[in-house]
Amino acid sequence: MLTNSLSKTFDWYLICNYSFSDKWIKRIKADVKKFMVDREKDHLYYDFLNWTKNDNEIMVLTMYAYADIKIPKRFNIIFQLDNTDNFVETNYTITKVILNGWTSTSQITMGHKHITIVEFDNSIPDILNLLSDFKHQGSDKKQIQLGFCEKEHFEIIKTKMEQLAV
């Protein structure tokens, strides 16, 4: 298990690629049910299947994690990867995780894609409208990626990204 203490601070962010519509949420739940039909189920499985999205929640796809991260996980910065000056500071928590679209898990696992449920202390910030809606054949709008991180790491991440862009 790789934890934050073993990775580089400028890598301490999750990349978020897509958001999921209510239609996709139903489909993902059906896919998880199908995958788990002959497997032992735990409270995480039932918690996800019984979950109903609230107005302050969004389901997103996060890409290959920088470390193993136990959930719930609090963050407070969301930023645009290709324009780090576009960011918002807001409190939010990753509350549920679906590993590779198959099964609920108690952590974000390094090197894997995850469907994550993000709950905001207040309303969902407008910056998330930049995300493309998940579709099988791509998206209607330009692919914009967002980063999730903690405020204490943001300046280091931002500086590194600006150096890489030059």
Protein backbone atom coordinates (compact mmCIF):
# COMPACT_ATOMS: atom_id res chain seq x y z
CA MET A 1 0.00 0.00 0.00
CA LEU A 2 1.48 3.33 -1.08
CA THR A 3 0.48 6.18 1.17
CA ASN A 4 0.99 9.93 0.82
CA SER A 5 4.17 9.87 2.88
CA LEU A 6 5.85 7.80 0.16
CA SER A 7 4.73 9.81 -2.88
CA LYS A 8 5.77 13.27 -4.07
CA THR A 9 3.65 16.16 -2.75
CA PHE A 10 3.19 17.67 -6.24
CA ASP A 11 1.41 14.43 -7.24
CA TRP A 12 -1.11 14.53 -4.37
CA TYR A 13 -4.25 15.12 -6.38
CA LEU A 14 -6.92 12.98 -7.99
CA ILE A 15 -7.70 13.48 -11.66
CA CYS A 16 -11.40 13.67 -12.39
CA ASN A 17 -12.49 13.07 -16.01
CA TYR A 18 -16.26 12.67 -16.24
CA SER A 19 -19.50 13.10 -14.38
CA PHE A 20 -22.36 10.59 -14.49
CA SER A 21 -26.02 11.36 -15.17
CA ASP A 22 -28.84 9.82 -13.14
CA LYS A 23 -29.35 7.35 -16.00
CA TRP A 24 -25.73 6.23 -15.69
CA ILE A 25 -25.99 5.95 -11.92
CA LYS A 26 -28.82 3.41 -12.39
CA ARG A 27 -26.75 1.53 -14.96
CA ILE A 28 -23.68 1.45 -12.69
CA LYS A 29 -25.77 0.10 -9.83
CA ALA A 30 -27.10 -2.62 -12.17
CA ASP A 31 -23.54 -3.44 -13.29
CA VAL A 32 -22.34 -3.73 -9.69
CA LYS A 33 -25.30 -6.01 -8.87
CA LYS A 34 -24.50 -8.20 -11.86
CA PHE A 35 -20.79 -8.40 -11.01
CA MET A 36 -21.53 -9.25 -7.37
CA VAL A 37 -24.33 -11.77 -8.02
CA ASP A 38 -22.20 -14.79 -7.00
CA ARG A 39 -19.87 -12.99 -4.61
CA GLU A 40 -20.02 -12.27 -0.92
CA LYS A 41 -21.61 -8.91 -0.24
CA ASP A 42 -20.68 -6.53 2.58
CA HIS A 43 -22.10 -3.32 4.04
CA LEU A 44 -20.30 -1.23 1.37
CA TYR A 45 -22.19 -3.07 -1.35
CA TYR A 46 -25.58 -2.49 0.31
CA ASP A 47 -24.69 1.09 1.23
CA PHE A 48 -23.98 1.88 -2.43
CA LEU A 49 -27.04 0.12 -3.82
CA ASN A 50 -29.30 1.87 -1.29
CA TRP A 51 -27.70 5.26 -1.90
CA THR A 52 -29.85 7.96 -3.48
CA LYS A 53 -28.14 11.04 -4.88
CA ASN A 54 -28.80 14.29 -3.02
CA ASP A 55 -28.59 17.80 -4.51
CA ASN A 56 -25.15 18.30 -2.96
CA GLU A 57 -23.70 15.07 -4.41
CA ILE A 58 -22.18 14.12 -7.75
CA MET A 59 -20.84 10.87 -9.17
CA VAL A 60 -17.58 11.24 -11.10
CA LEU A 61 -14.85 9.11 -12.65
CA THR A 62 -11.43 9.54 -11.12
CA MET A 63 -8.35 8.26 -12.88
CA TYR A 64 -5.29 6.42 -11.62
CA ALA A 65 -4.87 7.40 -7.97
CA TYR A 66 -1.52 8.68 -6.67
CA ALA A 67 -1.74 6.56 -3.49
CA ASP A 68 -4.06 4.29 -1.54
CA ILE A 69 -6.57 6.61 0.13
CA LYS A 70 -9.03 5.51 2.82
CA ILE A 71 -12.52 6.88 2.50
CA PRO A 72 -14.25 8.96 3.56
CA LYS A 73 -11.62 11.42 2.30
CA ARG A 74 -11.93 15.19 2.73
CA PHE A 75 -10.59 17.64 0.16
CA ASN A 76 -11.05 21.40 -0.20
CA ILE A 77 -9.69 22.44 -3.61
CA ILE A 78 -10.97 21.64 -7.11
CA PHE A 79 -8.86 22.94 -9.98
CA GLN A 80 -8.70 22.72 -13.76
CA LEU A 81 -5.61 20.75 -14.75
CA ASP A 82 -4.77 22.75 -17.86
CA ASN A 83 -5.58 26.10 -16.22
CA THR A 84 -4.65 25.95 -12.53
CA ASP A 85 -5.72 29.58 -12.08
CA ASN A 86 -9.27 28.26 -12.43
CA PHE A 87 -9.94 26.70 -9.03
CA VAL A 88 -12.43 26.82 -6.19
CA GLU A 89 -11.97 26.31 -2.52
CA THR A 90 -14.86 24.33 -1.06
CA ASN A 91 -15.19 21.53 1.46
CA TYR A 92 -16.17 18.14 0.10
CA THR A 93 -15.83 14.46 0.91
CA ILE A 94 -15.45 11.38 -1.23
CA THR A 95 -17.97 9.13 0.52
CA LYS A 96 -18.25 6.06 -1.71
CA VAL A 97 -15.95 4.36 -4.18
CA ILE A 98 -16.59 1.79 -6.88
CA LEU A 99 -13.37 0.13 -8.03
CA ASN A 100 -13.14 -0.13 -11.84
CA GLY A 101 -16.95 -0.05 -12.02
CA TRP A 102 -17.22 -3.49 -10.38
CA THR A 103 -17.58 -3.32 -6.64
CA SER A 104 -17.73 -0.98 -3.66
CA THR A 105 -14.56 -0.60 -1.66
CA SER A 106 -13.34 1.27 1.41
CA GLN A 107 -10.43 2.96 -0.32
CA ILE A 108 -9.24 4.57 -3.49
CA THR A 109 -6.53 2.21 -4.72
CA MET A 110 -3.34 3.45 -6.33
CA GLY A 111 -3.18 2.91 -10.06
CA HIS A 112 -6.89 2.22 -10.59
CA LYS A 113 -9.86 4.11 -11.99
CA HIS A 114 -12.75 4.67 -9.60
CA ILE A 115 -16.30 5.81 -9.76
CA THR A 116 -16.55 8.12 -6.78
CA ILE A 117 -19.42 9.78 -5.03
CA VAL A 118 -18.54 13.25 -3.87
CA GLU A 119 -20.58 15.06 -1.24
CA PHE A 120 -20.22 18.83 -0.81
CA ASP A 121 -20.78 20.63 2.47
CA ASN A 122 -22.76 23.17 0.46
CA SER A 123 -23.91 23.06 -3.16
CA ILE A 124 -21.98 21.53 -6.05
CA PRO A 125 -19.61 24.22 -7.37
CA ASP A 126 -19.97 25.42 -10.97
CA ILE A 127 -16.44 24.27 -11.88
CA LEU A 128 -17.80 20.72 -12.07
CA ASN A 129 -19.93 21.82 -15.04
CA LEU A 130 -16.66 21.76 -17.03
CA LEU A 131 -16.64 17.97 -16.86
CA SER A 132 -17.98 16.03 -19.80
CA ASP A 133 -20.89 13.70 -19.19
CA PHE A 134 -19.77 10.09 -19.41
CA LYS A 135 -20.75 8.38 -22.67
CA HIS A 136 -19.52 5.23 -24.39
CA GLN A 137 -18.58 7.00 -27.63
CA GLY A 138 -16.86 10.05 -26.15
CA SER A 139 -18.25 13.42 -25.31
CA ASP A 140 -19.94 16.40 -26.91
CA LYS A 141 -17.57 18.93 -25.38
CA LYS A 142 -13.82 19.36 -25.09
CA GLN A 143 -12.33 17.01 -22.51
CA ILE A 144 -11.46 19.04 -19.42
CA GLN A 145 -9.94 17.35 -16.42
CA LEU A 146 -10.25 18.57 -12.87
CA GLY A 147 -8.03 17.88 -9.90
CA PHE A 148 -9.11 17.19 -6.32
CA CYS A 149 -6.60 18.10 -3.63
CA GLU A 150 -6.05 19.61 -0.21
CA LYS A 151 -5.35 23.34 0.11
CA GLU A 152 -2.02 22.73 1.84
CA HIS A 153 -0.71 20.95 -1.29
CA PHE A 154 -2.28 23.12 -3.97
CA GLU A 155 0.52 25.68 -4.42
CA ILE A 156 3.12 22.93 -4.86
CA ILE A 157 0.88 21.13 -7.38
CA LYS A 158 0.12 24.38 -9.21
CA THR A 159 3.80 25.35 -9.45
CA LYS A 160 4.77 21.93 -10.80
CA MET A 161 1.98 21.99 -13.42
CA GLU A 162 2.98 25.48 -14.56
CA GLN A 163 6.61 24.28 -14.93
CA LEU A 164 5.48 21.28 -17.00
CA ALA A 165 3.37 23.52 -19.28
CA VAL A 166 6.39 25.61 -20.31
